[in-house]
Amino acid sequence: MKKHLILILFIFLLTSCLQSQNIPPNVNFFEPISLSQGKMTQVNGQWIIYEEGAEMEFEVNGECLFNQEAHPCMWHGFILEYNYTGNEVDVECKSSRDVSVNVGTSFDLIEENAFTDTYTIKLSGSENVFVSNQFITEDPNLDEDIDRIQSATICEVDGVRAFAFEQIFVFRPDQ
């Protein structure tokens, strides 16, 4: 009986100590669960990865609007599954490449000949899945000696690294 009483007392003291730590009850917690990436396409209005992998051979798989002009392009991107205990969280991402490229959106050219770019992803705690469809176009100004572009992206929440990924785009001479 004394052993059971001592064990119960120990468990009570342990849980009391854990509960008394200075962790505010309203702290939001972001946890990435999985990240998959690769070539993407739309099926029934949903973006899906049809060829998963970090190394992607460039192939035209659609048309994209870049800086208000239509271009043949390759759609690619990533799908992030996550847990978040708050309402919304800003994920700050920085991408770096070994080759300079033009960075922009469908509507704007953000920067020419950039080796790095930054962007913010706004995530909702109620959704738990984020799909980032992106594209790369054939660049007629790309040096003919370049057969690949390597990219590394690091994403942070509140200045703390949350997740990272790398991509390699391979260009064949016959393209």
Protein backbone atom coordinates (compact mmCIF):
# COMPACT_ATOMS: atom_id res chain seq x y z
CA MET A 1 0.00 0.00 0.00
CA LYS A 2 2.87 2.41 0.82
CA LYS A 3 4.44 1.77 -2.62
CA HIS A 4 1.17 2.72 -4.38
CA LEU A 5 0.79 5.83 -2.22
CA ILE A 6 4.39 6.93 -2.93
CA LEU A 7 3.89 6.34 -6.69
CA ILE A 8 0.64 8.33 -6.69
CA LEU A 9 2.31 11.15 -4.73
CA PHE A 10 5.27 11.14 -7.18
CA ILE A 11 2.94 11.31 -10.21
CA PHE A 12 0.98 14.14 -8.56
CA LEU A 13 4.19 16.11 -7.86
CA LEU A 14 5.48 15.50 -11.39
CA THR A 15 2.29 16.72 -13.05
CA SER A 16 2.18 19.73 -10.71
CA CYS A 17 5.74 20.67 -11.71
CA LEU A 18 4.97 20.31 -15.40
CA GLN A 19 1.86 22.44 -15.10
CA SER A 20 3.70 25.14 -13.17
CA GLN A 21 6.19 25.85 -16.01
CA ASN A 22 5.89 29.34 -17.43
CA ILE A 23 4.19 28.35 -20.68
CA PRO A 24 1.33 30.72 -21.40
CA PRO A 25 -1.87 28.88 -22.33
CA ASN A 26 -2.46 31.07 -25.40
CA VAL A 27 0.86 30.35 -27.19
CA ASN A 28 0.27 29.26 -30.78
CA PHE A 29 2.21 26.27 -32.02
CA PHE A 30 3.12 25.62 -35.67
CA GLU A 31 4.19 22.09 -36.64
CA PRO A 32 4.89 20.96 -40.21
CA ILE A 33 3.78 17.34 -40.69
CA SER A 34 4.80 16.61 -44.27
CA LEU A 35 5.98 18.36 -47.40
CA SER A 36 5.78 16.85 -50.87
CA GLN A 37 6.86 18.54 -54.07
CA GLY A 38 7.09 17.99 -57.79
CA LYS A 39 5.40 18.70 -61.09
CA MET A 40 1.80 19.80 -60.73
CA THR A 41 -1.41 19.93 -62.71
CA GLN A 42 -5.05 20.68 -62.01
CA VAL A 43 -7.60 17.88 -61.76
CA ASN A 44 -11.22 18.90 -61.21
CA GLY A 45 -10.09 22.34 -60.01
CA GLN A 46 -7.60 20.95 -57.46
CA TRP A 47 -3.82 21.23 -57.80
CA ILE A 48 -2.10 17.87 -57.45
CA ILE A 49 1.44 16.58 -57.77
CA TYR A 50 1.61 14.11 -60.65
CA GLU A 51 5.37 13.54 -60.57
CA GLU A 52 6.89 13.81 -57.12
CA GLY A 53 10.52 14.73 -56.55
CA ALA A 54 12.98 17.53 -55.92
CA GLU A 55 14.72 17.10 -59.29
CA MET A 56 12.45 17.97 -62.19
CA GLU A 57 13.27 17.79 -65.87
CA PHE A 58 11.78 20.85 -67.52
CA GLU A 59 8.81 20.11 -69.74
CA VAL A 60 6.03 22.36 -70.87
CA ASN A 61 2.90 21.17 -69.07
CA GLY A 62 0.75 24.26 -69.39
CA GLU A 63 0.52 27.94 -70.08
CA CYS A 64 1.25 30.54 -67.44
CA LEU A 65 0.68 34.23 -67.12
CA PHE A 66 3.92 35.99 -66.12
CA ASN A 67 3.98 39.78 -65.85
CA GLN A 68 0.65 39.90 -67.74
CA GLU A 69 2.00 37.86 -70.67
CA ALA A 70 1.15 34.24 -71.53
CA HIS A 71 4.11 31.83 -71.74
CA PRO A 72 4.53 28.08 -72.14
CA CYS A 73 5.69 26.86 -68.76
CA MET A 74 6.11 23.99 -66.34
CA TRP A 75 3.80 23.97 -63.33
CA HIS A 76 5.39 22.65 -60.15
CA GLY A 77 5.10 23.33 -56.44
CA PHE A 78 4.64 21.82 -53.02
CA ILE A 79 1.95 20.60 -50.66
CA LEU A 80 2.49 21.28 -46.96
CA GLU A 81 0.49 19.48 -44.29
CA TYR A 82 0.71 21.14 -40.88
CA ASN A 83 -0.81 21.64 -37.46
CA TYR A 84 -1.34 25.12 -36.10
CA THR A 85 -3.12 25.94 -32.87
CA GLY A 86 -3.85 29.59 -33.75
CA ASN A 87 -6.06 31.33 -36.28
CA GLU A 88 -3.46 32.48 -38.81
CA VAL A 89 0.31 32.35 -39.09
CA ASP A 90 2.71 34.08 -41.47
CA VAL A 91 5.41 31.80 -42.83
CA GLU A 92 8.34 33.82 -44.21
CA CYS A 93 10.23 32.01 -46.98
CA LYS A 94 13.51 32.85 -48.70
CA SER A 95 14.60 31.10 -51.88
CA SER A 96 18.17 31.15 -53.18
CA ARG A 97 19.35 29.96 -56.58
CA ASP A 98 22.70 29.29 -58.21
CA VAL A 99 21.55 31.15 -61.35
CA SER A 100 19.90 34.54 -61.59
CA VAL A 101 16.31 34.51 -62.83
CA ASN A 102 13.46 36.95 -63.27
CA VAL A 103 11.08 36.74 -60.31
CA GLY A 104 7.47 37.75 -60.52
CA THR A 105 3.81 36.91 -60.42
CA SER A 106 1.12 36.60 -63.04
CA PHE A 107 0.69 40.37 -62.90
CA ASP A 108 4.08 41.87 -61.99
CA LEU A 109 7.79 41.55 -62.59
CA ILE A 110 9.18 41.81 -59.05
CA GLU A 111 12.90 41.62 -59.79
CA GLU A 112 15.14 40.92 -62.76
CA ASN A 113 18.26 38.75 -62.56
CA ALA A 114 17.66 37.79 -58.93
CA PHE A 115 19.58 35.11 -57.08
CA THR A 116 17.21 35.31 -54.09
CA ASP A 117 13.61 36.22 -53.39
CA THR A 118 11.35 36.25 -50.37
CA TYR A 119 7.66 35.64 -49.98
CA THR A 120 5.10 35.21 -47.20
CA ILE A 121 2.62 32.37 -46.92
CA LYS A 122 -0.45 33.06 -44.80
CA LEU A 123 -1.68 29.82 -43.24
CA SER A 124 -4.91 29.19 -41.38
CA GLY A 125 -5.08 26.95 -38.33
CA SER A 126 -8.43 25.61 -39.50
CA GLU A 127 -7.16 24.29 -42.86
CA ASN A 128 -4.02 22.22 -42.12
CA VAL A 129 -3.05 21.83 -45.81
CA PHE A 130 -1.43 24.43 -48.04
CA VAL A 131 -0.92 23.94 -51.78
CA SER A 132 1.64 26.17 -53.49
CA ASN A 133 1.38 25.95 -57.26
CA GLN A 134 4.31 27.69 -58.94
CA PHE A 135 5.70 27.82 -62.45
CA ILE A 136 8.93 28.18 -64.34
CA THR A 137 9.07 29.43 -67.92
CA GLU A 138 11.64 28.91 -70.61
CA ASP A 139 13.88 31.93 -70.46
CA PRO A 140 15.28 32.92 -73.87
CA ASN A 141 17.96 34.95 -72.04
CA LEU A 142 19.21 31.94 -70.06
CA ASP A 143 22.82 31.13 -70.90
CA GLU A 144 23.00 28.12 -73.24
CA ASP A 145 25.69 26.55 -71.02
CA ILE A 146 23.25 26.31 -68.11
CA ASP A 147 21.59 22.91 -68.01
CA ARG A 148 20.14 23.15 -64.50
CA ILE A 149 18.98 25.59 -61.87
CA GLN A 150 19.37 24.63 -58.22
CA SER A 151 17.15 26.29 -55.64
CA ALA A 152 17.00 26.09 -51.84
CA THR A 153 14.12 27.50 -49.81
CA ILE A 154 14.03 28.04 -46.05
CA CYS A 155 10.75 28.97 -44.36
CA GLU A 156 10.48 30.42 -40.87
CA VAL A 157 7.76 31.16 -38.35
CA ASP A 158 8.56 33.97 -35.91
CA GLY A 159 12.22 33.82 -36.95
CA VAL A 160 12.52 30.08 -36.26
CA ARG A 161 13.14 27.63 -39.11
CA ALA A 162 9.94 25.67 -39.71
CA PHE A 163 10.79 23.72 -42.87
CA ALA A 164 13.06 23.77 -45.90
CA PHE A 165 13.28 22.16 -49.32
CA GLU A 166 15.49 22.08 -52.40
CA GLN A 167 14.62 21.93 -56.07
CA ILE A 168 16.65 21.21 -59.18
CA PHE A 169 15.29 22.09 -62.60
CA VAL A 170 17.05 20.22 -65.41
CA PHE A 171 17.03 21.57 -68.97
CA ARG A 172 17.81 19.26 -71.88
CA PRO A 173 19.60 20.70 -74.94
CA ASP A 174 16.81 19.66 -77.31
CA GLN A 175 14.21 21.81 -75.55
